[in-house]
């Protein structure tokens, strides 16, 4: 956390107080550079933020799914998962996808 006075990142949170009614936490901080004491208020998020892929999207493209379905190289599910850097359940889903 940056000091509001000198903008130094050398700060320490000395204590925290949760707000009894609202979804807030108050943090009491001190700067090691200038000695300034300050507070910050943190509001909790109502939902978790998932920056990953959208729900029901598929990682592998059509060609990769086709290669897995044909399996010319006689590879196991775990070998395909290692090649494409996905889970074995993704390989199972790729086998079931329509051509």
N, C-alpha and C. Protein backbone atom coordinates (compact mmCIF):
# COMPACT_ATOMS: atom_id res chain seq x y z
N UNK A 1 0.84 -1.17 0.00
CA UNK A 1 0.00 0.00 0.00
C UNK A 1 0.90 1.24 0.00
N UNK A 2 0.56 2.22 -0.80
CA UNK A 2 1.35 3.45 -0.89
C UNK A 2 0.95 4.45 0.18
N UNK A 3 1.95 5.15 0.67
CA UNK A 3 1.71 6.23 1.63
C UNK A 3 1.07 7.40 0.88
N UNK A 4 -0.01 7.98 1.39
CA UNK A 4 -0.64 9.10 0.69
C UNK A 4 0.19 10.38 0.72
N UNK A 5 1.14 10.48 1.64
CA UNK A 5 1.95 11.70 1.74
C UNK A 5 3.20 11.63 0.86
N UNK A 6 4.03 10.58 1.03
CA UNK A 6 5.30 10.52 0.29
C UNK A 6 5.29 9.50 -0.85
N UNK A 7 4.21 8.76 -1.03
CA UNK A 7 4.03 7.76 -2.09
C UNK A 7 4.97 6.57 -1.97
N UNK A 8 5.58 6.36 -0.82
CA UNK A 8 6.47 5.23 -0.60
C UNK A 8 5.65 3.95 -0.42
N UNK A 9 6.21 2.82 -0.86
CA UNK A 9 5.56 1.53 -0.68
C UNK A 9 6.02 0.84 0.59
N UNK A 10 6.91 1.47 1.33
CA UNK A 10 7.42 0.90 2.56
C UNK A 10 6.48 1.25 3.71
N UNK A 11 5.35 0.54 3.74
CA UNK A 11 4.34 0.78 4.76
C UNK A 11 4.02 -0.53 5.46
N UNK A 12 3.36 -0.42 6.59
CA UNK A 12 2.97 -1.59 7.37
C UNK A 12 1.57 -1.39 7.92
N UNK A 13 0.76 -2.45 7.84
CA UNK A 13 -0.56 -2.43 8.45
C UNK A 13 -0.39 -2.81 9.90
N UNK A 14 -0.76 -1.91 10.81
CA UNK A 14 -0.57 -2.17 12.24
C UNK A 14 -1.77 -2.91 12.84
N UNK A 15 -2.97 -2.63 12.35
CA UNK A 15 -4.16 -3.34 12.84
C UNK A 15 -5.31 -3.18 11.85
N UNK A 16 -6.30 -4.05 11.99
CA UNK A 16 -7.49 -3.97 11.15
C UNK A 16 -8.73 -4.08 12.03
N UNK A 17 -9.79 -3.42 11.61
CA UNK A 17 -11.07 -3.46 12.31
C UNK A 17 -12.17 -3.78 11.30
N UNK A 18 -12.88 -4.90 11.45
CA UNK A 18 -14.03 -5.14 10.56
C UNK A 18 -15.21 -4.29 11.00
N UNK A 19 -15.96 -3.78 10.04
CA UNK A 19 -17.15 -2.99 10.33
C UNK A 19 -18.27 -3.97 10.68
N UNK A 20 -18.99 -3.76 11.79
CA UNK A 20 -19.99 -4.75 12.23
C UNK A 20 -21.22 -4.87 11.32
N UNK A 21 -21.58 -3.81 10.62
CA UNK A 21 -22.81 -3.84 9.83
C UNK A 21 -22.51 -3.99 8.34
N UNK A 22 -21.64 -3.19 7.81
CA UNK A 22 -21.35 -3.18 6.38
C UNK A 22 -20.21 -4.16 6.06
N UNK A 23 -20.02 -4.43 4.79
CA UNK A 23 -18.93 -5.30 4.34
C UNK A 23 -17.66 -4.49 4.15
N UNK A 24 -17.16 -3.92 5.23
CA UNK A 24 -15.98 -3.07 5.17
C UNK A 24 -14.93 -3.53 6.19
N UNK A 25 -13.67 -3.25 5.87
CA UNK A 25 -12.58 -3.44 6.81
C UNK A 25 -11.75 -2.17 6.84
N UNK A 26 -11.46 -1.69 8.02
CA UNK A 26 -10.64 -0.49 8.18
C UNK A 26 -9.24 -0.93 8.57
N UNK A 27 -8.22 -0.45 7.85
CA UNK A 27 -6.83 -0.80 8.11
C UNK A 27 -6.08 0.44 8.60
N UNK A 28 -5.34 0.27 9.68
CA UNK A 28 -4.51 1.34 10.22
C UNK A 28 -3.07 1.07 9.79
N UNK A 29 -2.47 2.02 9.09
CA UNK A 29 -1.15 1.82 8.49
C UNK A 29 -0.16 2.89 8.94
N UNK A 30 1.13 2.57 8.77
CA UNK A 30 2.19 3.52 9.08
C UNK A 30 3.26 3.42 8.01
N UNK A 31 3.78 4.56 7.59
CA UNK A 31 4.84 4.64 6.59
C UNK A 31 6.20 4.62 7.30
N UNK A 32 7.12 3.79 6.80
CA UNK A 32 8.46 3.73 7.37
C UNK A 32 9.36 4.86 6.88
N UNK A 33 9.01 5.46 5.73
CA UNK A 33 9.83 6.53 5.16
C UNK A 33 9.61 7.87 5.88
N UNK A 34 8.34 8.30 5.95
CA UNK A 34 8.05 9.62 6.51
C UNK A 34 7.39 9.57 7.89
N UNK A 35 6.98 8.37 8.36
CA UNK A 35 6.36 8.26 9.66
C UNK A 35 4.88 8.58 9.69
N UNK A 36 4.28 8.87 8.56
CA UNK A 36 2.87 9.22 8.46
C UNK A 36 1.99 8.03 8.84
N UNK A 37 0.98 8.26 9.66
CA UNK A 37 -0.03 7.26 9.98
C UNK A 37 -1.28 7.56 9.14
N UNK A 38 -1.87 6.52 8.56
CA UNK A 38 -3.05 6.71 7.72
C UNK A 38 -3.94 5.47 7.81
N UNK A 39 -5.18 5.62 7.36
CA UNK A 39 -6.12 4.50 7.35
C UNK A 39 -6.61 4.26 5.93
N UNK A 40 -7.01 3.03 5.69
CA UNK A 40 -7.64 2.69 4.41
C UNK A 40 -8.88 1.88 4.72
N UNK A 41 -9.85 1.97 3.84
CA UNK A 41 -11.09 1.22 4.00
C UNK A 41 -11.25 0.31 2.79
N UNK A 42 -11.48 -0.97 3.05
CA UNK A 42 -11.62 -1.97 2.00
C UNK A 42 -13.05 -2.48 2.00
N UNK A 43 -13.67 -2.49 0.82
CA UNK A 43 -15.03 -3.00 0.69
C UNK A 43 -14.95 -4.38 0.06
N UNK A 44 -15.66 -5.34 0.64
CA UNK A 44 -15.66 -6.70 0.12
C UNK A 44 -16.48 -6.79 -1.15
N UNK A 45 -16.04 -7.60 -2.08
CA UNK A 45 -16.80 -7.84 -3.30
C UNK A 45 -17.94 -8.79 -3.01
N UNK A 46 -19.07 -8.56 -3.64
CA UNK A 46 -20.24 -9.41 -3.43
C UNK A 46 -20.07 -10.78 -4.10
N UNK A 47 -19.40 -10.80 -5.25
CA UNK A 47 -19.19 -12.05 -5.98
C UNK A 47 -17.72 -12.21 -6.30
N UNK A 48 -17.33 -13.43 -6.52
CA UNK A 48 -15.94 -13.70 -6.91
C UNK A 48 -15.78 -13.35 -8.39
N UNK A 49 -14.64 -12.78 -8.71
CA UNK A 49 -14.35 -12.42 -10.10
C UNK A 49 -13.49 -13.50 -10.71
N UNK A 50 -13.93 -14.06 -11.82
CA UNK A 50 -13.17 -15.10 -12.51
C UNK A 50 -12.71 -14.55 -13.85
N UNK A 51 -11.42 -14.21 -13.97
CA UNK A 51 -10.94 -13.64 -15.23
C UNK A 51 -10.67 -14.69 -16.30
N UNK A 52 -10.98 -15.95 -16.02
CA UNK A 52 -10.70 -17.03 -16.97
C UNK A 52 -11.65 -17.04 -18.15
N UNK A 53 -11.76 -18.19 -18.75
CA UNK A 53 -12.62 -18.34 -19.93
C UNK A 53 -14.09 -18.26 -19.54
N UNK A 54 -14.95 -17.80 -20.46
CA UNK A 54 -16.37 -17.75 -20.18
C UNK A 54 -16.94 -19.16 -19.95
N UNK A 55 -17.98 -19.25 -19.17
CA UNK A 55 -18.59 -20.54 -18.87
C UNK A 55 -19.07 -21.20 -20.16
N UNK A 56 -18.90 -22.51 -20.23
CA UNK A 56 -19.28 -23.35 -21.38
C UNK A 56 -18.45 -23.08 -22.63
N UNK A 57 -17.32 -22.38 -22.50
CA UNK A 57 -16.44 -22.23 -23.65
C UNK A 57 -15.51 -23.43 -23.69
N UNK A 58 -14.96 -23.73 -24.84
CA UNK A 58 -14.10 -24.90 -24.98
C UNK A 58 -12.70 -24.46 -25.37
N UNK A 59 -11.69 -25.06 -24.76
CA UNK A 59 -10.31 -24.64 -24.93
C UNK A 59 -9.72 -25.10 -26.26
N UNK A 60 -10.01 -26.33 -26.65
CA UNK A 60 -9.40 -26.91 -27.86
C UNK A 60 -10.17 -26.50 -29.11
N UNK A 61 -9.44 -26.32 -30.21
CA UNK A 61 -10.10 -25.95 -31.46
C UNK A 61 -10.55 -27.20 -32.22
N UNK A 62 -11.19 -27.00 -33.37
CA UNK A 62 -11.75 -28.10 -34.16
C UNK A 62 -10.68 -29.09 -34.58
N UNK A 63 -9.55 -28.61 -35.07
CA UNK A 63 -8.48 -29.49 -35.54
C UNK A 63 -7.93 -30.35 -34.40
N UNK A 64 -7.74 -29.77 -33.22
CA UNK A 64 -7.23 -30.52 -32.08
C UNK A 64 -8.21 -31.61 -31.67
N UNK A 65 -9.49 -31.30 -31.65
CA UNK A 65 -10.51 -32.29 -31.33
C UNK A 65 -10.51 -33.42 -32.35
N UNK A 66 -10.35 -33.07 -33.61
CA UNK A 66 -10.31 -34.07 -34.67
C UNK A 66 -9.11 -35.00 -34.50
N UNK A 67 -7.95 -34.44 -34.15
CA UNK A 67 -6.74 -35.25 -33.92
C UNK A 67 -6.96 -36.22 -32.75
N UNK A 68 -7.60 -35.76 -31.70
CA UNK A 68 -7.85 -36.60 -30.54
C UNK A 68 -8.84 -37.71 -30.90
N UNK A 69 -9.87 -37.39 -31.66
CA UNK A 69 -10.87 -38.38 -32.03
C UNK A 69 -10.30 -39.45 -32.96
N UNK A 70 -9.47 -39.05 -33.91
CA UNK A 70 -8.87 -40.01 -34.84
C UNK A 70 -7.80 -40.85 -34.15
N UNK A 71 -7.01 -40.21 -33.28
CA UNK A 71 -5.96 -40.86 -32.50
C UNK A 71 -5.05 -41.75 -33.35
N UNK A 72 -4.52 -41.19 -34.43
CA UNK A 72 -3.62 -41.92 -35.33
C UNK A 72 -2.37 -42.42 -34.61
N UNK A 73 -1.93 -41.68 -33.63
CA UNK A 73 -0.67 -41.98 -32.97
C UNK A 73 -0.84 -42.89 -31.75
N UNK A 74 -2.06 -43.35 -31.51
CA UNK A 74 -2.35 -44.30 -30.42
C UNK A 74 -1.90 -43.75 -29.06
N UNK A 75 -2.21 -42.49 -28.80
CA UNK A 75 -1.82 -41.86 -27.54
C UNK A 75 -2.91 -42.06 -26.50
N UNK A 76 -2.50 -42.10 -25.25
CA UNK A 76 -3.46 -42.20 -24.15
C UNK A 76 -4.07 -40.83 -23.85
N UNK A 77 -5.10 -40.84 -23.04
CA UNK A 77 -5.76 -39.59 -22.65
C UNK A 77 -4.78 -38.65 -21.94
N UNK A 78 -3.95 -39.20 -21.07
CA UNK A 78 -2.98 -38.38 -20.34
C UNK A 78 -1.90 -37.81 -21.26
N UNK A 79 -1.52 -38.55 -22.28
CA UNK A 79 -0.53 -38.03 -23.24
C UNK A 79 -1.11 -36.88 -24.05
N UNK A 80 -2.38 -37.00 -24.48
CA UNK A 80 -3.02 -35.89 -25.19
C UNK A 80 -3.13 -34.67 -24.29
N UNK A 81 -3.48 -34.90 -23.03
CA UNK A 81 -3.60 -33.79 -22.07
C UNK A 81 -2.27 -33.08 -21.90
N UNK A 82 -1.17 -33.82 -21.87
CA UNK A 82 0.16 -33.21 -21.73
C UNK A 82 0.53 -32.42 -22.98
N UNK A 83 0.19 -32.94 -24.15
CA UNK A 83 0.52 -32.26 -25.42
C UNK A 83 -0.18 -30.91 -25.50
N UNK A 84 -1.48 -30.88 -25.18
CA UNK A 84 -2.26 -29.65 -25.31
C UNK A 84 -2.35 -28.84 -24.02
N UNK A 85 -1.70 -29.32 -22.97
CA UNK A 85 -1.66 -28.63 -21.68
C UNK A 85 -3.07 -28.35 -21.14
N UNK A 86 -3.88 -29.41 -21.11
CA UNK A 86 -5.24 -29.33 -20.59
C UNK A 86 -5.46 -30.51 -19.64
N UNK A 87 -6.61 -30.55 -19.00
CA UNK A 87 -6.92 -31.65 -18.09
C UNK A 87 -7.42 -32.86 -18.89
N UNK A 88 -7.40 -34.02 -18.24
CA UNK A 88 -7.87 -35.23 -18.91
C UNK A 88 -9.38 -35.17 -19.17
N UNK A 89 -10.12 -34.43 -18.34
CA UNK A 89 -11.56 -34.29 -18.59
C UNK A 89 -11.83 -33.47 -19.86
N UNK A 90 -10.93 -32.55 -20.19
CA UNK A 90 -11.06 -31.79 -21.45
C UNK A 90 -10.85 -32.72 -22.64
N UNK A 91 -9.93 -33.67 -22.51
CA UNK A 91 -9.70 -34.66 -23.57
C UNK A 91 -10.95 -35.53 -23.74
N UNK A 92 -11.58 -35.93 -22.63
CA UNK A 92 -12.83 -36.70 -22.71
C UNK A 92 -13.90 -35.91 -23.45
N UNK A 93 -14.01 -34.62 -23.15
CA UNK A 93 -15.01 -33.77 -23.82
C UNK A 93 -14.68 -33.61 -25.30
N UNK A 94 -13.39 -33.54 -25.64
CA UNK A 94 -12.98 -33.40 -27.04
C UNK A 94 -13.33 -34.66 -27.83
N UNK A 95 -13.25 -35.82 -27.20
CA UNK A 95 -13.62 -37.08 -27.87
C UNK A 95 -15.10 -37.12 -28.20
N UNK A 96 -15.92 -36.47 -27.39
CA UNK A 96 -17.38 -36.49 -27.57
C UNK A 96 -17.90 -35.39 -28.50
N UNK A 97 -17.05 -34.39 -28.80
CA UNK A 97 -17.50 -33.29 -29.65
C UNK A 97 -17.80 -33.78 -31.05
N UNK A 98 -18.84 -33.19 -31.67
CA UNK A 98 -19.24 -33.58 -33.02
C UNK A 98 -18.24 -33.08 -34.04
N UNK A 99 -18.04 -33.87 -35.06
CA UNK A 99 -17.09 -33.50 -36.13
C UNK A 99 -17.70 -32.52 -37.10
